[in-house]
């Protein structure tokens, strides 16, 4: 905390930098079912963000709720979707999962203690695989995570946020595992086995 004297001293701030961080919040529960209206607003907001990213090479944006990213990919022209994907690859645009509670039934007590928070479990955009998204919250490096789904597995792949493949993961018929970096957001694609 700054003292009153330091806060008013010109020399205290000389040579310093001020960073403005912007964010937005879309409270799905508060809107009580006005999803179409909120979706229209959010799609327009993403258009504005893409315009700002195009104009200012130093601008970055972090969005919440992957549901809006999903809707954008479905409802916007291919040109805008390509632009969005490019900004994600550049690291100037990122998307979180917007969760408030972990899926405790999917993780072991050890994983929860390591602060791996699962934010999405859903059907894949293409095919009938299971997408699991989680992030590491403590800044620990080298943590190993094991995902134990209810289904038997025939495969496990690492993907990016828009489910583009980035390599095979270690797995057996009961679980998949991967090493997680500090503060990383991870997306895993699990392929359920057709055999029991």
N, C-alpha and C. Protein backbone atom coordinates (compact mmCIF):
# COMPACT_ATOMS: atom_id res chain seq x y z
N UNK A 1 0.85 -1.17 0.00
CA UNK A 1 0.00 0.00 0.00
C UNK A 1 0.89 1.23 0.00
N UNK A 2 0.53 2.22 -0.82
CA UNK A 2 1.29 3.46 -0.91
C UNK A 2 0.92 4.39 0.24
N UNK A 3 1.91 5.08 0.75
CA UNK A 3 1.59 6.12 1.73
C UNK A 3 1.04 7.31 0.97
N UNK A 4 0.33 8.19 1.65
CA UNK A 4 -0.24 9.39 1.02
C UNK A 4 0.87 10.24 0.42
N UNK A 5 2.00 10.33 1.10
CA UNK A 5 3.10 11.15 0.59
C UNK A 5 3.66 10.55 -0.71
N UNK A 6 3.88 9.23 -0.73
CA UNK A 6 4.42 8.58 -1.93
C UNK A 6 3.44 8.67 -3.09
N UNK A 7 2.16 8.52 -2.81
CA UNK A 7 1.15 8.57 -3.86
C UNK A 7 1.09 9.92 -4.54
N UNK A 8 1.42 10.98 -3.82
CA UNK A 8 1.36 12.32 -4.39
C UNK A 8 2.72 12.81 -4.89
N UNK A 9 3.74 12.01 -4.74
CA UNK A 9 5.07 12.40 -5.16
C UNK A 9 5.27 12.07 -6.63
N UNK A 10 5.60 13.07 -7.41
CA UNK A 10 5.81 12.88 -8.85
C UNK A 10 6.97 11.91 -9.10
N UNK A 11 8.01 11.98 -8.27
CA UNK A 11 9.18 11.14 -8.49
C UNK A 11 8.87 9.65 -8.24
N UNK A 12 7.86 9.37 -7.43
CA UNK A 12 7.51 7.98 -7.15
C UNK A 12 7.11 7.25 -8.43
N UNK A 13 6.40 7.94 -9.33
CA UNK A 13 5.89 7.32 -10.55
C UNK A 13 6.79 7.55 -11.76
N UNK A 14 7.81 8.36 -11.64
CA UNK A 14 8.64 8.71 -12.77
C UNK A 14 9.31 7.45 -13.33
N UNK A 15 9.18 7.30 -14.65
CA UNK A 15 9.78 6.14 -15.32
C UNK A 15 8.99 4.87 -15.18
N UNK A 16 7.86 4.90 -14.50
CA UNK A 16 7.05 3.71 -14.33
C UNK A 16 6.09 3.49 -15.48
N UNK A 17 5.37 2.41 -15.43
CA UNK A 17 4.38 2.09 -16.45
C UNK A 17 3.05 1.81 -15.78
N UNK A 18 2.01 2.15 -16.47
CA UNK A 18 0.67 1.80 -16.02
C UNK A 18 0.09 0.85 -17.05
N UNK A 19 -0.39 -0.29 -16.59
CA UNK A 19 -0.98 -1.29 -17.48
C UNK A 19 -2.49 -1.31 -17.26
N UNK A 20 -3.24 -1.19 -18.34
CA UNK A 20 -4.69 -1.29 -18.27
C UNK A 20 -5.09 -2.69 -18.70
N UNK A 21 -5.78 -3.38 -17.85
CA UNK A 21 -6.27 -4.72 -18.16
C UNK A 21 -7.78 -4.66 -18.25
N UNK A 22 -8.31 -5.13 -19.36
CA UNK A 22 -9.75 -5.09 -19.50
C UNK A 22 -10.29 -6.51 -19.46
N UNK A 23 -11.49 -6.61 -19.01
CA UNK A 23 -12.16 -7.91 -19.02
C UNK A 23 -13.65 -7.66 -19.11
N UNK A 24 -14.35 -8.71 -19.43
CA UNK A 24 -15.80 -8.62 -19.45
C UNK A 24 -16.34 -9.86 -18.77
N UNK A 25 -17.54 -9.77 -18.31
CA UNK A 25 -18.16 -10.91 -17.62
C UNK A 25 -19.58 -11.07 -18.12
N UNK A 26 -19.92 -12.28 -18.50
CA UNK A 26 -21.28 -12.59 -18.97
C UNK A 26 -21.86 -13.60 -17.99
N UNK A 27 -22.75 -13.17 -17.19
CA UNK A 27 -23.33 -14.01 -16.15
C UNK A 27 -24.55 -14.74 -16.71
N UNK A 28 -24.34 -15.99 -17.13
CA UNK A 28 -25.42 -16.76 -17.74
C UNK A 28 -26.58 -16.97 -16.78
N UNK A 29 -26.29 -17.17 -15.51
CA UNK A 29 -27.36 -17.39 -14.54
C UNK A 29 -28.20 -16.15 -14.30
N UNK A 30 -27.57 -14.99 -14.30
CA UNK A 30 -28.27 -13.75 -14.03
C UNK A 30 -29.26 -13.42 -15.12
N UNK A 31 -28.96 -13.77 -16.35
CA UNK A 31 -29.83 -13.41 -17.47
C UNK A 31 -31.12 -14.24 -17.53
N UNK A 32 -31.22 -15.26 -16.71
CA UNK A 32 -32.45 -16.06 -16.58
C UNK A 32 -33.03 -16.47 -17.93
N UNK A 33 -32.19 -17.09 -18.74
CA UNK A 33 -32.72 -17.68 -19.96
C UNK A 33 -32.68 -16.78 -21.18
N UNK A 34 -32.06 -15.62 -21.12
CA UNK A 34 -32.01 -14.77 -22.32
C UNK A 34 -30.76 -15.08 -23.12
N UNK A 35 -30.47 -16.36 -23.29
CA UNK A 35 -29.27 -16.81 -24.00
C UNK A 35 -29.18 -16.21 -25.41
N UNK A 36 -30.25 -16.23 -26.24
CA UNK A 36 -30.12 -15.65 -27.60
C UNK A 36 -29.69 -14.18 -27.58
N UNK A 37 -30.26 -13.39 -26.70
CA UNK A 37 -29.88 -11.98 -26.61
C UNK A 37 -28.44 -11.81 -26.16
N UNK A 38 -28.03 -12.57 -25.17
CA UNK A 38 -26.66 -12.51 -24.68
C UNK A 38 -25.69 -12.98 -25.76
N UNK A 39 -26.11 -14.01 -26.51
CA UNK A 39 -25.24 -14.53 -27.57
C UNK A 39 -25.02 -13.46 -28.65
N UNK A 40 -26.08 -12.76 -29.07
CA UNK A 40 -25.93 -11.72 -30.09
C UNK A 40 -24.97 -10.63 -29.61
N UNK A 41 -25.12 -10.21 -28.36
CA UNK A 41 -24.23 -9.20 -27.79
C UNK A 41 -22.79 -9.69 -27.78
N UNK A 42 -22.58 -10.92 -27.36
CA UNK A 42 -21.23 -11.45 -27.23
C UNK A 42 -20.57 -11.65 -28.59
N UNK A 43 -21.31 -12.12 -29.59
CA UNK A 43 -20.73 -12.29 -30.92
C UNK A 43 -20.25 -10.95 -31.46
N UNK A 44 -21.03 -9.90 -31.24
CA UNK A 44 -20.64 -8.56 -31.66
C UNK A 44 -19.39 -8.11 -30.89
N UNK A 45 -19.34 -8.42 -29.61
CA UNK A 45 -18.18 -8.07 -28.80
C UNK A 45 -16.92 -8.74 -29.34
N UNK A 46 -17.01 -9.99 -29.73
CA UNK A 46 -15.85 -10.70 -30.27
C UNK A 46 -15.43 -10.07 -31.60
N UNK A 47 -16.41 -9.64 -32.42
CA UNK A 47 -16.07 -8.93 -33.66
C UNK A 47 -15.25 -7.68 -33.35
N UNK A 48 -15.67 -6.91 -32.35
CA UNK A 48 -14.97 -5.69 -31.97
C UNK A 48 -13.55 -6.02 -31.48
N UNK A 49 -13.42 -7.07 -30.69
CA UNK A 49 -12.11 -7.49 -30.20
C UNK A 49 -11.19 -7.85 -31.37
N UNK A 50 -11.70 -8.59 -32.34
CA UNK A 50 -10.89 -8.96 -33.51
C UNK A 50 -10.45 -7.71 -34.29
N UNK A 51 -11.35 -6.74 -34.40
CA UNK A 51 -10.99 -5.47 -35.06
C UNK A 51 -9.86 -4.77 -34.30
N UNK A 52 -9.95 -4.76 -32.98
CA UNK A 52 -8.91 -4.11 -32.16
C UNK A 52 -7.58 -4.87 -32.28
N UNK A 53 -7.63 -6.20 -32.32
CA UNK A 53 -6.42 -7.00 -32.48
C UNK A 53 -5.75 -6.72 -33.83
N UNK A 54 -6.56 -6.49 -34.84
CA UNK A 54 -6.04 -6.18 -36.17
C UNK A 54 -5.35 -4.81 -36.18
N UNK A 55 -5.95 -3.84 -35.49
CA UNK A 55 -5.44 -2.46 -35.51
C UNK A 55 -4.23 -2.25 -34.61
N UNK A 56 -4.17 -2.95 -33.49
CA UNK A 56 -3.12 -2.71 -32.50
C UNK A 56 -2.34 -4.00 -32.23
N UNK A 57 -1.11 -4.11 -32.74
CA UNK A 57 -0.34 -5.36 -32.57
C UNK A 57 0.03 -5.66 -31.12
N UNK A 58 -0.10 -4.70 -30.21
CA UNK A 58 0.22 -4.94 -28.80
C UNK A 58 -1.01 -5.35 -27.99
N UNK A 59 -2.19 -5.21 -28.59
CA UNK A 59 -3.43 -5.51 -27.88
C UNK A 59 -3.59 -7.02 -27.70
N UNK A 60 -4.04 -7.42 -26.53
CA UNK A 60 -4.34 -8.82 -26.23
C UNK A 60 -5.70 -8.86 -25.56
N UNK A 61 -6.38 -9.99 -25.68
CA UNK A 61 -7.69 -10.12 -25.04
C UNK A 61 -7.86 -11.53 -24.49
N UNK A 62 -8.44 -11.60 -23.32
CA UNK A 62 -8.73 -12.88 -22.69
C UNK A 62 -10.23 -12.95 -22.45
N UNK A 63 -10.88 -13.92 -23.05
CA UNK A 63 -12.32 -14.09 -22.89
C UNK A 63 -12.65 -15.21 -21.93
N UNK A 64 -13.89 -15.22 -21.51
CA UNK A 64 -14.34 -16.28 -20.61
C UNK A 64 -15.42 -17.09 -21.30
N UNK A 65 -15.81 -18.17 -20.73
CA UNK A 65 -16.88 -19.05 -21.22
C UNK A 65 -16.64 -19.54 -22.64
N UNK A 66 -16.11 -20.70 -22.78
CA UNK A 66 -15.87 -21.27 -24.10
C UNK A 66 -17.16 -21.44 -24.90
N UNK A 67 -18.29 -21.39 -24.25
CA UNK A 67 -19.56 -21.49 -24.99
C UNK A 67 -19.67 -20.37 -26.02
N UNK A 68 -19.15 -19.17 -25.69
CA UNK A 68 -19.23 -18.06 -26.65
C UNK A 68 -18.27 -18.28 -27.81
N UNK A 69 -17.13 -18.86 -27.53
CA UNK A 69 -16.19 -19.19 -28.60
C UNK A 69 -16.84 -20.22 -29.53
N UNK A 70 -17.48 -21.21 -28.95
CA UNK A 70 -18.18 -22.24 -29.72
C UNK A 70 -19.25 -21.60 -30.61
N UNK A 71 -20.04 -20.70 -30.05
CA UNK A 71 -21.10 -20.04 -30.83
C UNK A 71 -20.50 -19.18 -31.94
N UNK A 72 -19.40 -18.53 -31.65
CA UNK A 72 -18.76 -17.69 -32.66
C UNK A 72 -18.32 -18.55 -33.85
N UNK A 73 -17.69 -19.68 -33.56
CA UNK A 73 -17.23 -20.57 -34.62
C UNK A 73 -18.40 -21.09 -35.46
N UNK A 74 -19.55 -21.27 -34.84
CA UNK A 74 -20.73 -21.77 -35.56
C UNK A 74 -21.42 -20.70 -36.40
N UNK A 75 -21.46 -19.45 -35.91
CA UNK A 75 -22.35 -18.44 -36.50
C UNK A 75 -21.66 -17.34 -37.30
N UNK A 76 -20.35 -17.29 -37.29
CA UNK A 76 -19.68 -16.21 -38.00
C UNK A 76 -19.10 -16.71 -39.32
N UNK A 77 -18.89 -15.78 -40.28
CA UNK A 77 -18.35 -16.18 -41.59
C UNK A 77 -16.96 -16.79 -41.47
N UNK A 78 -16.62 -17.61 -42.46
CA UNK A 78 -15.33 -18.32 -42.46
C UNK A 78 -14.15 -17.37 -42.32
N UNK A 79 -14.23 -16.20 -42.94
CA UNK A 79 -13.14 -15.22 -42.87
C UNK A 79 -12.88 -14.79 -41.42
N UNK A 80 -13.96 -14.53 -40.67
CA UNK A 80 -13.81 -14.11 -39.27
C UNK A 80 -13.29 -15.26 -38.42
N UNK A 81 -13.75 -16.47 -38.71
CA UNK A 81 -13.30 -17.65 -37.95
C UNK A 81 -11.81 -17.87 -38.20
N UNK A 82 -11.36 -17.71 -39.44
CA UNK A 82 -9.92 -17.84 -39.74
C UNK A 82 -9.11 -16.80 -38.96
N UNK A 83 -9.64 -15.58 -38.92
CA UNK A 83 -8.96 -14.51 -38.19
C UNK A 83 -8.88 -14.84 -36.69
N UNK A 84 -9.96 -15.34 -36.14
CA UNK A 84 -9.99 -15.72 -34.72
C UNK A 84 -8.96 -16.81 -34.45
N UNK A 85 -8.93 -17.83 -35.29
CA UNK A 85 -7.96 -18.93 -35.11
C UNK A 85 -6.53 -18.41 -35.17
N UNK A 86 -6.27 -17.48 -36.10
CA UNK A 86 -4.93 -16.91 -36.22
C UNK A 86 -4.53 -16.17 -34.95
N UNK A 87 -5.45 -15.40 -34.38
CA UNK A 87 -5.14 -14.65 -33.15
C UNK A 87 -4.90 -15.60 -31.98
N UNK A 88 -5.64 -16.72 -31.94
CA UNK A 88 -5.40 -17.72 -30.90
C UNK A 88 -3.99 -18.30 -31.04
N UNK A 89 -3.61 -18.63 -32.27
CA UNK A 89 -2.28 -19.20 -32.52
C UNK A 89 -1.17 -18.21 -32.15
N UNK A 90 -1.41 -16.93 -32.39
CA UNK A 90 -0.42 -15.89 -32.06
C UNK A 90 -0.28 -15.70 -30.56
N UNK A 91 -1.27 -16.16 -29.79
CA UNK A 91 -1.26 -15.96 -28.35
C UNK A 91 -1.78 -14.60 -27.93
N UNK A 92 -2.37 -13.86 -28.85
CA UNK A 92 -2.91 -12.54 -28.53
C UNK A 92 -4.37 -12.63 -28.10
N UNK A 93 -4.97 -13.74 -28.38
CA UNK A 93 -6.36 -13.99 -27.98
C UNK A 93 -6.37 -15.32 -27.25
N UNK A 94 -6.98 -15.33 -26.08
CA UNK A 94 -7.08 -16.59 -25.33
C UNK A 94 -8.47 -16.73 -24.78
N UNK A 95 -8.83 -17.96 -24.51
CA UNK A 95 -10.17 -18.20 -24.00
C UNK A 95 -10.10 -19.13 -22.82
N UNK A 96 -10.72 -18.73 -21.73
CA UNK A 96 -10.80 -19.57 -20.54
C UNK A 96 -12.08 -20.38 -20.57
N UNK A 97 -12.32 -21.10 -19.53
CA UNK A 97 -13.49 -21.96 -19.49
C UNK A 97 -14.61 -21.36 -18.65
N UNK A 98 -14.33 -20.38 -17.84
CA UNK A 98 -15.37 -19.73 -17.06
C UNK A 98 -16.10 -20.66 -16.13
N UNK A 99 -15.40 -21.21 -15.17
CA UNK A 99 -16.07 -22.13 -14.25
C UNK A 99 -15.97 -21.58 -12.84
N UNK A 100 -16.84 -22.08 -12.01
CA UNK A 100 -16.74 -21.69 -10.61
C UNK A 100 -16.57 -22.89 -9.70
N UNK A 101 -16.86 -24.07 -10.19
CA UNK A 101 -16.74 -25.28 -9.38
C UNK A 101 -16.01 -26.36 -10.18
N UNK A 102 -15.09 -27.06 -9.58
CA UNK A 102 -14.44 -28.15 -10.29
C UNK A 102 -15.36 -29.36 -10.38
N UNK A 103 -15.12 -30.20 -11.37
CA UNK A 103 -15.85 -31.47 -11.49
C UNK A 103 -15.16 -32.48 -10.57
N UNK A 104 -15.57 -32.52 -9.33
CA UNK A 104 -14.87 -33.35 -8.35
C UNK A 104 -15.06 -34.84 -8.60
N UNK A 105 -16.10 -35.25 -9.32
CA UNK A 105 -16.30 -36.67 -9.57
C UNK A 105 -15.31 -37.22 -10.59
N UNK A 106 -14.66 -36.36 -11.36
CA UNK A 106 -13.73 -36.81 -12.38
C UNK A 106 -12.29 -36.85 -11.89
N UNK A 107 -11.99 -36.14 -10.82
CA UNK A 107 -10.62 -36.06 -10.32
C UNK A 107 -10.46 -36.79 -9.00
N UNK A 108 -9.25 -37.25 -8.77
CA UNK A 108 -8.94 -37.87 -7.48
C UNK A 108 -8.63 -36.77 -6.47
N UNK A 109 -8.62 -37.10 -5.21
CA UNK A 109 -8.27 -36.14 -4.17
C UNK A 109 -6.88 -35.57 -4.37
N UNK A 110 -5.95 -36.41 -4.84
CA UNK A 110 -4.59 -35.95 -5.09
C UNK A 110 -4.56 -34.86 -6.16
N UNK A 111 -5.36 -35.06 -7.23
CA UNK A 111 -5.37 -34.06 -8.30
C UNK A 111 -5.99 -32.74 -7.83
N UNK A 112 -7.01 -32.84 -7.01
CA UNK A 112 -7.60 -31.61 -6.47
C UNK A 112 -6.60 -30.88 -5.57
N UNK A 113 -5.83 -31.66 -4.82
CA UNK A 113 -4.82 -31.05 -3.96
C UNK A 113 -3.74 -30.36 -4.78
N UNK A 114 -3.50 -30.87 -5.97
CA UNK A 114 -2.51 -30.25 -6.86
C UNK A 114 -3.10 -29.08 -7.64
N UNK A 115 -4.33 -28.75 -7.40
CA UNK A 115 -4.98 -27.59 -8.02
C UNK A 115 -5.14 -27.72 -9.53
N UNK A 116 -5.58 -28.90 -9.95
CA UNK A 116 -5.97 -29.09 -11.34
C UNK A 116 -7.49 -28.95 -11.37
N UNK A 117 -7.99 -27.92 -11.96
CA UNK A 117 -9.42 -27.65 -11.95
C UNK A 117 -10.01 -27.96 -13.32
N UNK A 118 -10.93 -28.91 -13.37
CA UNK A 118 -11.62 -29.27 -14.61
C UNK A 118 -12.72 -28.26 -14.87
N UNK A 119 -12.72 -27.70 -16.06
CA UNK A 119 -13.69 -26.65 -16.38
C UNK A 119 -14.67 -27.06 -17.46
N UNK A 120 -14.39 -28.14 -18.19
CA UNK A 120 -15.33 -28.58 -19.23
C UNK A 120 -15.19 -30.07 -19.44
N UNK A 121 -16.32 -30.73 -19.56
CA UNK A 121 -16.41 -32.11 -20.01
C UNK A 121 -17.56 -32.11 -21.00
N UNK A 122 -17.26 -32.41 -22.27
CA UNK A 122 -18.29 -32.29 -23.30
C UNK A 122 -17.98 -33.22 -24.45
N UNK A 123 -18.94 -33.37 -25.34
CA UNK A 123 -18.75 -34.12 -26.58
C UNK A 123 -17.88 -33.29 -27.51
N UNK A 124 -17.02 -33.95 -28.25
CA UNK A 124 -16.15 -33.24 -29.19
C UNK A 124 -16.97 -32.61 -30.31
N UNK A 125 -16.41 -31.55 -30.91
CA UNK A 125 -17.09 -30.87 -32.01
C UNK A 125 -17.25 -31.79 -33.21
N UNK A 126 -16.26 -32.63 -33.46
CA UNK A 126 -16.31 -33.60 -34.55
C UNK A 126 -16.17 -34.99 -33.97
N UNK A 127 -17.05 -35.89 -34.37
CA UNK A 127 -17.00 -37.25 -33.85
C UNK A 127 -17.72 -37.37 -32.52
N UNK A 128 -17.49 -38.50 -31.86
CA UNK A 128 -18.16 -38.79 -30.59
C UNK A 128 -17.18 -38.98 -29.45
N UNK A 129 -16.08 -38.24 -29.50
CA UNK A 129 -15.10 -38.32 -28.44
C UNK A 129 -15.50 -37.41 -27.28
N UNK A 130 -14.76 -37.53 -26.18
CA UNK A 130 -15.02 -36.72 -24.98
C UNK A 130 -13.90 -35.69 -24.84
N UNK A 131 -14.28 -34.45 -24.69
CA UNK A 131 -13.30 -33.38 -24.46
C UNK A 131 -13.28 -33.04 -22.98
N UNK A 132 -12.09 -33.04 -22.39
CA UNK A 132 -11.90 -32.64 -21.00
C UNK A 132 -10.94 -31.46 -21.00
N UNK A 133 -11.36 -30.36 -20.38
CA UNK A 133 -10.50 -29.17 -20.31
C UNK A 133 -10.25 -28.85 -18.84
N UNK A 134 -9.02 -28.53 -18.50
CA UNK A 134 -8.68 -28.19 -17.12
C UNK A 134 -7.49 -27.25 -17.12
N UNK A 135 -7.22 -26.67 -15.95
CA UNK A 135 -6.07 -25.79 -15.83
C UNK A 135 -5.40 -25.96 -14.48
N UNK A 136 -4.12 -25.59 -14.46
CA UNK A 136 -3.31 -25.67 -13.26
C UNK A 136 -3.28 -24.29 -12.62
N UNK A 137 -3.59 -24.20 -11.34
CA UNK A 137 -3.79 -22.89 -10.71
C UNK A 137 -2.66 -22.43 -9.78
N UNK A 138 -1.71 -23.29 -9.49
CA UNK A 138 -0.70 -22.96 -8.48
C UNK A 138 0.65 -22.56 -9.04
N UNK A 139 0.83 -22.64 -10.35
CA UNK A 139 2.12 -22.30 -10.93
C UNK A 139 3.18 -23.37 -10.74
N UNK A 140 2.75 -24.61 -10.48
CA UNK A 140 3.69 -25.71 -10.29
C UNK A 140 4.09 -26.29 -11.64
N UNK A 141 5.35 -26.64 -11.79
CA UNK A 141 5.77 -27.25 -13.04
C UNK A 141 5.98 -28.74 -12.83
N UNK A 142 5.71 -29.50 -13.88
CA UNK A 142 5.97 -30.93 -13.84
C UNK A 142 4.92 -31.78 -13.16
N UNK A 143 3.75 -31.23 -12.84
CA UNK A 143 2.69 -32.05 -12.25
C UNK A 143 2.17 -33.03 -13.29
N UNK A 144 1.87 -34.23 -12.85
CA UNK A 144 1.32 -35.24 -13.74
C UNK A 144 -0.14 -35.44 -13.39
N UNK A 145 -0.99 -35.41 -14.40
CA UNK A 145 -2.43 -35.55 -14.20
C UNK A 145 -2.90 -36.85 -14.86
N UNK A 146 -3.72 -37.58 -14.13
CA UNK A 146 -4.34 -38.78 -14.68
C UNK A 146 -5.84 -38.55 -14.72
N UNK A 147 -6.44 -38.75 -15.89
CA UNK A 147 -7.88 -38.57 -16.07
C UNK A 147 -8.51 -39.96 -16.09
N UNK A 148 -9.50 -40.15 -15.23
CA UNK A 148 -10.15 -41.45 -15.07
C UNK A 148 -11.62 -41.37 -15.47
N UNK A 149 -11.96 -41.49 -16.75
CA UNK A 149 -13.36 -41.39 -17.15
C UNK A 149 -14.12 -42.66 -16.80
N UNK A 150 -15.44 -42.58 -16.85
CA UNK A 150 -16.26 -43.77 -16.61
C UNK A 150 -16.19 -44.75 -17.77
N UNK A 151 -15.86 -44.28 -18.96
CA UNK A 151 -15.81 -45.12 -20.15
C UNK A 151 -14.44 -45.76 -20.32
N UNK A 152 -14.40 -46.93 -20.96
CA UNK A 152 -13.13 -47.52 -21.37
C UNK A 152 -12.58 -46.71 -22.53
N UNK A 153 -11.26 -46.64 -22.64
CA UNK A 153 -10.64 -45.81 -23.68
C UNK A 153 -9.95 -46.64 -24.75
N UNK A 154 -10.03 -46.15 -25.98
CA UNK A 154 -9.23 -46.74 -27.06
C UNK A 154 -8.18 -45.75 -27.54
N UNK A 155 -8.24 -44.49 -27.04
CA UNK A 155 -7.25 -43.50 -27.44
C UNK A 155 -7.36 -42.23 -26.62
N UNK A 156 -6.29 -41.45 -26.63
CA UNK A 156 -6.28 -40.15 -25.94
C UNK A 156 -5.33 -39.24 -26.69
N UNK A 157 -5.78 -38.02 -26.97
CA UNK A 157 -5.00 -37.04 -27.72
C UNK A 157 -4.97 -35.71 -26.99
N UNK A 158 -3.89 -34.99 -27.14
CA UNK A 158 -3.78 -33.64 -26.62
C UNK A 158 -4.25 -32.71 -27.73
N UNK A 159 -5.06 -31.68 -27.41
CA UNK A 159 -5.51 -30.73 -28.43
C UNK A 159 -5.34 -29.31 -27.90
N UNK A 160 -5.58 -28.35 -28.78
CA UNK A 160 -5.64 -26.96 -28.33
C UNK A 160 -7.09 -26.62 -27.98
N UNK A 161 -7.36 -25.36 -27.65
CA UNK A 161 -8.71 -24.97 -27.22
C UNK A 161 -9.77 -25.16 -28.29
N UNK A 162 -9.37 -25.12 -29.55
CA UNK A 162 -10.36 -25.31 -30.61
C UNK A 162 -10.30 -26.73 -31.17
N UNK A 163 -9.78 -27.63 -30.35
CA UNK A 163 -9.79 -29.08 -30.57
C UNK A 163 -8.97 -29.53 -31.77
N UNK A 164 -7.93 -28.76 -32.12
CA UNK A 164 -7.00 -29.19 -33.15
C UNK A 164 -5.95 -30.08 -32.48
N UNK A 165 -5.69 -31.22 -33.09
CA UNK A 165 -4.81 -32.23 -32.52
C UNK A 165 -3.38 -31.73 -32.37
N UNK A 166 -2.76 -32.08 -31.23
CA UNK A 166 -1.35 -31.73 -31.04
C UNK A 166 -0.53 -32.91 -30.53
N UNK A 167 -1.07 -34.12 -30.64
CA UNK A 167 -0.26 -35.30 -30.30
C UNK A 167 -0.95 -36.30 -29.40
N UNK A 168 -0.40 -37.52 -29.44
CA UNK A 168 -0.94 -38.62 -28.64
C UNK A 168 -0.56 -38.47 -27.17
N UNK A 169 -1.41 -38.98 -26.30
CA UNK A 169 -1.14 -39.00 -24.87
C UNK A 169 -1.00 -40.44 -24.38
N UNK A 170 -0.24 -40.58 -23.33
CA UNK A 170 -0.11 -41.88 -22.68
C UNK A 170 -1.49 -42.28 -22.14
N UNK A 171 -1.91 -43.52 -22.42
CA UNK A 171 -3.21 -43.98 -21.91
C UNK A 171 -3.25 -45.50 -21.85
N UNK A 172 -4.18 -45.99 -21.06
CA UNK A 172 -4.54 -47.41 -21.09
C UNK A 172 -6.05 -47.46 -21.19
N UNK A 173 -6.66 -48.60 -21.00
CA UNK A 173 -8.12 -48.68 -21.20
C UNK A 173 -8.92 -47.95 -20.13
N UNK A 174 -8.28 -47.62 -19.00
CA UNK A 174 -9.00 -46.98 -17.90
C UNK A 174 -8.68 -45.50 -17.69
N UNK A 175 -7.57 -45.01 -18.23
CA UNK A 175 -7.19 -43.63 -17.93
C UNK A 175 -6.21 -43.08 -18.96
N UNK A 176 -6.06 -41.77 -18.94
CA UNK A 176 -5.06 -41.08 -19.76
C UNK A 176 -4.26 -40.18 -18.83
N UNK A 177 -2.99 -39.93 -19.17
CA UNK A 177 -2.19 -39.06 -18.30
C UNK A 177 -1.32 -38.14 -19.13
N UNK A 178 -0.97 -37.01 -18.52
CA UNK A 178 -0.09 -36.05 -19.16
C UNK A 178 0.59 -35.21 -18.11
N UNK A 179 1.73 -34.64 -18.50
CA UNK A 179 2.46 -33.72 -17.65
C UNK A 179 1.94 -32.32 -17.93
N UNK A 180 1.77 -31.51 -16.89
CA UNK A 180 1.15 -30.19 -17.01
C UNK A 180 2.13 -29.12 -16.55
N UNK A 181 2.18 -28.04 -17.32
CA UNK A 181 3.06 -26.93 -16.98
C UNK A 181 2.38 -25.94 -16.06
N UNK A 182 3.13 -24.98 -15.52
CA UNK A 182 2.56 -23.99 -14.61
C UNK A 182 1.51 -23.11 -15.30
N UNK A 183 0.37 -22.98 -14.65
CA UNK A 183 -0.75 -22.15 -15.12
C UNK A 183 -1.28 -22.55 -16.49
N UNK A 184 -0.97 -23.73 -16.95
CA UNK A 184 -1.40 -24.11 -18.30
C UNK A 184 -2.88 -24.49 -18.34
N UNK A 185 -3.47 -24.20 -19.49
CA UNK A 185 -4.83 -24.66 -19.78
C UNK A 185 -4.67 -25.84 -20.72
N UNK A 186 -5.20 -26.98 -20.34
CA UNK A 186 -5.02 -28.20 -21.12
C UNK A 186 -6.36 -28.69 -21.66
N UNK A 187 -6.33 -29.22 -22.87
CA UNK A 187 -7.51 -29.84 -23.46
C UNK A 187 -7.12 -31.23 -23.92
N UNK A 188 -7.91 -32.22 -23.51
CA UNK A 188 -7.64 -33.63 -23.81
C UNK A 188 -8.86 -34.20 -24.53
N UNK A 189 -8.59 -34.97 -25.59
CA UNK A 189 -9.65 -35.64 -26.34
C UNK A 189 -9.56 -37.14 -26.03
N UNK A 190 -10.59 -37.68 -25.41
CA UNK A 190 -10.63 -39.09 -25.04
C UNK A 190 -11.52 -39.84 -26.03
N UNK A 191 -11.01 -40.96 -26.55
CA UNK A 191 -11.78 -41.77 -27.49
C UNK A 191 -12.31 -42.99 -26.75
N UNK A 192 -13.64 -43.03 -26.53
CA UNK A 192 -14.20 -44.19 -25.82
C UNK A 192 -14.09 -45.46 -26.67
N UNK A 193 -13.83 -46.56 -26.02
CA UNK A 193 -13.77 -47.85 -26.70
C UNK A 193 -15.19 -48.33 -26.99
N UNK A 194 -15.37 -48.97 -28.13
CA UNK A 194 -16.68 -49.54 -28.46
C UNK A 194 -16.90 -50.86 -27.74
N UNK A 195 -15.78 -51.47 -27.27
CA UNK A 195 -15.88 -52.73 -26.52
C UNK A 195 -15.92 -52.45 -25.04
N UNK A 196 -16.57 -53.30 -24.29
CA UNK A 196 -16.62 -53.19 -22.82
C UNK A 196 -15.54 -53.99 -22.19
